[in-house]
Amino acid sequence: MTNVLGTPEKVELRARLFEIGIETLRKQGWKVEKRKGFGSSVRFISKGGKTQSISIRTSQDKWIAFPRNEQDSGWGTLSGVDFVLAVSVDDRHNPKFAKVHMIGAKEMLDRFDRAYAARRAAGYTIPLGRGLWLPLYYADEKDPVTHVGGGAGLLHPPIAQVPLDPAAPESNEPKKGSGDDCLLTIAEAKRRLAMTLGVDPSNIKITVEA
């Protein structure tokens, strides 16, 4: 995976992606705060009188990682938060935009648990305390084994696409319709409601009657 501290440019990009994550949360109406005693990637977000925790993960190659804890009983950081905010570049080699995805931690725990089990079964050596990487945009498939648990970025569309250059336009993608021409899927409706109410999308149930 990408060495995010390999060059000054990569260090700067990592900081910019994290900054975009914080900015996006605030634009979505969340109050964001950092608290002592928690990991550097963890923030507490509040809306509507409810406070939850979120781990912000940045990616310069469209893969994200969480470390297995030293007791081999769970995942560092991920095991203790409510949400994951994955902030990825749009292109690994020529990044112009950051794509921000908000995903329930329970779903990510399941993805990482399955990925860990699959790689162990395949004979991979996974040092404790080191990150296990999952692809955001490769589908969750058994072959290759490194794709097991992947695809969270496909299932959860970006809540924002932000230029890495603050002076650039907000998005390089045209609008896909407006008003009555903009179709809303059940999955997207659940995601939006979950963000508004501050709950996991799995807790949202929608009934449609003709």
Protein backbone atom coordinates (compact mmCIF):
# COMPACT_ATOMS: atom_id res chain seq x y z
CA MET A 1 0.00 0.00 0.00
CA THR A 2 1.01 3.66 -0.38
CA ASN A 3 3.61 4.96 2.08
CA VAL A 4 1.68 8.06 3.16
CA LEU A 5 4.74 9.48 4.91
CA GLY A 6 7.18 8.67 2.10
CA THR A 7 7.55 12.22 0.76
CA PRO A 8 6.62 15.73 1.91
CA GLU A 9 3.95 15.77 -0.81
CA LYS A 10 2.32 12.62 0.56
CA VAL A 11 2.40 14.02 4.09
CA GLU A 12 0.72 17.19 2.81
CA LEU A 13 -1.90 15.19 0.89
CA ARG A 14 -2.69 13.10 3.95
CA ALA A 15 -3.24 16.26 5.99
CA ARG A 16 -5.44 17.76 3.26
CA LEU A 17 -7.61 14.63 3.05
CA PHE A 18 -8.11 14.64 6.82
CA GLU A 19 -8.97 18.35 6.73
CA ILE A 20 -11.56 17.68 4.00
CA GLY A 21 -13.11 14.99 6.19
CA ILE A 22 -13.54 17.45 9.07
CA GLU A 23 -14.89 20.16 6.72
CA THR A 24 -17.42 17.75 5.23
CA LEU A 25 -18.76 16.71 8.62
CA ARG A 26 -19.27 20.35 9.59
CA LYS A 27 -21.00 21.13 6.31
CA GLN A 28 -23.32 18.19 7.00
CA GLY A 29 -24.37 19.93 10.21
CA TRP A 30 -22.21 18.01 12.70
CA LYS A 31 -20.34 19.65 15.55
CA VAL A 32 -16.89 18.07 15.54
CA GLU A 33 -14.54 17.86 18.52
CA LYS A 34 -11.39 16.03 19.55
CA ARG A 35 -11.04 14.60 23.06
CA LYS A 36 -7.98 13.63 25.07
CA GLY A 37 -7.29 9.96 25.51
CA PHE A 38 -8.61 8.89 22.10
CA GLY A 39 -6.72 8.10 18.90
CA SER A 40 -5.59 10.90 16.62
CA SER A 41 -8.08 9.84 13.94
CA VAL A 42 -11.09 9.77 16.29
CA ARG A 43 -13.51 12.66 16.56
CA PHE A 44 -16.79 13.09 18.43
CA ILE A 45 -19.67 14.40 16.34
CA SER A 46 -22.88 15.92 17.68
CA LYS A 47 -26.19 16.71 16.06
CA GLY A 48 -29.71 17.01 17.45
CA GLY A 49 -28.51 16.51 21.00
CA LYS A 50 -26.86 13.15 20.23
CA THR A 51 -23.10 12.60 20.31
CA GLN A 52 -21.35 9.76 18.51
CA SER A 53 -17.78 8.84 17.65
CA ILE A 54 -16.18 8.54 14.24
CA SER A 55 -12.81 7.38 12.93
CA ILE A 56 -11.50 9.37 9.97
CA ARG A 57 -9.39 7.26 7.59
CA THR A 58 -7.60 8.79 4.61
CA SER A 59 -6.51 6.94 1.49
CA GLN A 60 -4.06 7.90 -1.24
CA ASP A 61 -4.58 4.66 -3.19
CA LYS A 62 -8.31 3.88 -2.63
CA TRP A 63 -7.62 1.32 0.13
CA ILE A 64 -8.17 1.91 3.86
CA ALA A 65 -6.71 0.12 6.85
CA PHE A 66 -7.31 -0.63 10.50
CA PRO A 67 -4.79 -2.45 12.72
CA ARG A 68 -5.57 -5.70 14.50
CA ASN A 69 -5.06 -5.12 18.24
CA GLU A 70 -2.18 -6.74 20.12
CA GLN A 71 -4.53 -9.22 21.86
CA ASP A 72 -5.87 -10.38 18.48
CA SER A 73 -9.39 -9.83 19.81
CA GLY A 74 -10.55 -6.91 17.65
CA TRP A 75 -9.53 -3.84 15.71
CA GLY A 76 -7.72 -0.81 17.05
CA THR A 77 -9.90 2.32 16.85
CA LEU A 78 -12.60 0.65 14.74
CA SER A 79 -13.91 -1.46 17.61
CA GLY A 80 -14.80 1.60 19.69
CA VAL A 81 -16.51 4.02 17.27
CA ASP A 82 -19.96 4.44 15.72
CA PHE A 83 -18.95 5.50 12.21
CA VAL A 84 -16.04 5.46 9.79
CA LEU A 85 -15.38 8.43 7.52
CA ALA A 86 -13.31 7.21 4.57
CA VAL A 87 -11.70 10.05 2.62
CA SER A 88 -10.13 8.78 -0.60
CA VAL A 89 -8.52 10.34 -3.65
CA ASP A 90 -10.37 10.06 -6.96
CA ASP A 91 -7.26 8.89 -8.81
CA ARG A 92 -4.18 7.27 -7.32
CA HIS A 93 -1.70 8.68 -9.81
CA ASN A 94 -3.21 12.09 -10.56
CA PRO A 95 -5.53 12.99 -7.66
CA LYS A 96 -7.76 16.03 -8.10
CA PHE A 97 -10.66 15.39 -5.74
CA ALA A 98 -11.37 13.75 -2.42
CA LYS A 99 -14.36 11.41 -2.18
CA VAL A 100 -15.88 11.28 1.31
CA HIS A 101 -17.84 8.21 2.44
CA MET A 102 -19.65 7.82 5.79
CA ILE A 103 -20.12 4.19 6.79
CA GLY A 104 -21.48 2.53 9.92
CA ALA A 105 -18.75 1.01 12.11
CA LYS A 106 -20.70 -2.24 12.54
CA GLU A 107 -20.61 -2.80 8.80
CA MET A 108 -16.90 -2.03 8.64
CA LEU A 109 -16.22 -4.39 11.56
CA ASP A 110 -17.96 -7.16 9.64
CA ARG A 111 -15.96 -6.38 6.51
CA PHE A 112 -12.62 -6.39 8.35
CA ASP A 113 -13.49 -9.53 10.32
CA ARG A 114 -14.31 -11.39 7.10
CA ALA A 115 -11.20 -10.06 5.39
CA TYR A 116 -9.01 -11.13 8.31
CA ALA A 117 -10.49 -14.64 8.42
CA ALA A 118 -10.19 -15.07 4.64
CA ARG A 119 -6.57 -13.99 4.53
CA ARG A 120 -5.60 -16.15 7.49
CA ALA A 121 -7.29 -19.12 5.82
CA ALA A 122 -5.33 -18.37 2.66
CA GLY A 123 -2.05 -18.46 4.58
CA TYR A 124 -1.36 -14.74 4.80
CA THR A 125 0.83 -13.49 7.64
CA ILE A 126 -0.86 -10.54 9.36
CA PRO A 127 1.30 -9.02 12.12
CA LEU A 128 -0.69 -7.79 15.11
CA GLY A 129 -0.67 -4.03 15.44
CA ARG A 130 -0.17 -3.58 11.70
CA GLY A 131 -2.85 -2.34 9.34
CA LEU A 132 -4.98 -4.68 7.25
CA TRP A 133 -5.96 -2.97 4.01
CA LEU A 134 -9.33 -3.19 2.27
CA PRO A 135 -10.24 -1.76 -1.16
CA LEU A 136 -12.98 0.85 -1.19
CA TYR A 137 -13.92 0.41 -4.84
CA TYR A 138 -13.30 -3.26 -5.65
CA ALA A 139 -16.36 -5.45 -5.13
CA ASP A 140 -16.56 -7.83 -2.17
CA GLU A 141 -15.41 -11.06 -3.85
CA LYS A 142 -13.66 -14.27 -2.80
CA ASP A 143 -11.15 -14.10 -5.64
CA PRO A 144 -8.70 -12.51 -5.17
CA VAL A 145 -8.79 -13.04 -1.42
CA THR A 146 -7.61 -9.45 -0.82
CA HIS A 147 -11.00 -8.25 -2.12
CA VAL A 148 -13.01 -10.07 0.57
CA GLY A 149 -14.74 -7.38 2.61
CA GLY A 150 -14.07 -4.67 0.02
CA GLY A 151 -16.45 -2.39 -1.83
CA ALA A 152 -17.75 -0.15 0.96
CA GLY A 153 -17.19 2.86 -1.28
CA LEU A 154 -19.37 1.27 -3.95
CA LEU A 155 -22.25 0.50 -1.60
CA HIS A 156 -22.13 3.91 0.09
CA PRO A 157 -21.88 6.73 -2.48
CA PRO A 158 -19.79 9.76 -1.51
CA ILE A 159 -21.54 12.30 0.70
CA ALA A 160 -19.18 14.89 -0.78
CA GLN A 161 -16.61 15.27 -3.51
CA VAL A 162 -14.18 18.04 -2.66
CA PRO A 163 -11.27 19.45 -4.71
CA LEU A 164 -7.85 18.92 -3.21
CA ASP A 165 -7.04 22.43 -4.40
CA PRO A 166 -9.26 24.74 -2.29
CA ALA A 167 -9.44 27.21 -5.19
CA ALA A 168 -10.88 24.63 -7.62
CA PRO A 169 -14.61 24.12 -8.33
CA GLU A 170 -16.51 21.91 -5.89
CA SER A 171 -16.88 18.95 -8.27
CA ASN A 172 -15.71 17.78 -11.68
CA GLU A 173 -18.82 15.67 -12.22
CA PRO A 174 -21.99 17.06 -13.85
CA LYS A 175 -25.24 16.98 -11.93
CA LYS A 176 -27.25 13.86 -12.68
CA GLY A 177 -30.61 15.54 -12.70
CA SER A 178 -32.64 17.78 -10.42
CA GLY A 179 -36.16 18.03 -9.14
CA ASP A 180 -38.45 15.31 -10.49
CA ASP A 181 -35.68 14.00 -12.77
CA CYS A 182 -33.42 13.00 -9.85
CA LEU A 183 -34.22 9.40 -8.83
CA LEU A 184 -33.73 8.36 -5.21
CA THR A 185 -32.95 4.75 -4.38
CA ILE A 186 -34.02 3.04 -1.16
CA ALA A 187 -30.37 2.61 -0.19
CA GLU A 188 -29.65 6.31 -0.71
CA ALA A 189 -32.79 7.29 1.21
CA LYS A 190 -31.68 5.11 4.13
CA ARG A 191 -28.22 6.65 4.04
CA ARG A 192 -29.55 10.21 4.08
CA LEU A 193 -32.01 9.49 6.88
CA ALA A 194 -29.30 7.75 8.91
CA MET A 195 -27.01 10.77 8.58
CA THR A 196 -29.79 13.17 9.53
CA LEU A 197 -30.85 11.14 12.57
CA GLY A 198 -27.36 10.11 13.59
CA VAL A 199 -27.99 6.34 13.44
CA ASP A 200 -26.62 3.41 11.47
CA PRO A 201 -28.33 2.84 8.07
CA SER A 202 -29.11 -0.74 9.17
CA ASN A 203 -31.52 0.75 11.74
CA ILE A 204 -33.58 2.50 9.06
CA LYS A 205 -36.56 0.62 7.61
CA ILE A 206 -38.52 2.07 4.71
CA THR A 207 -41.92 0.77 3.57
CA VAL A 208 -43.25 1.70 0.14
CA GLU A 209 -46.93 1.28 -0.67
CA ALA A 210 -48.27 1.63 -4.21
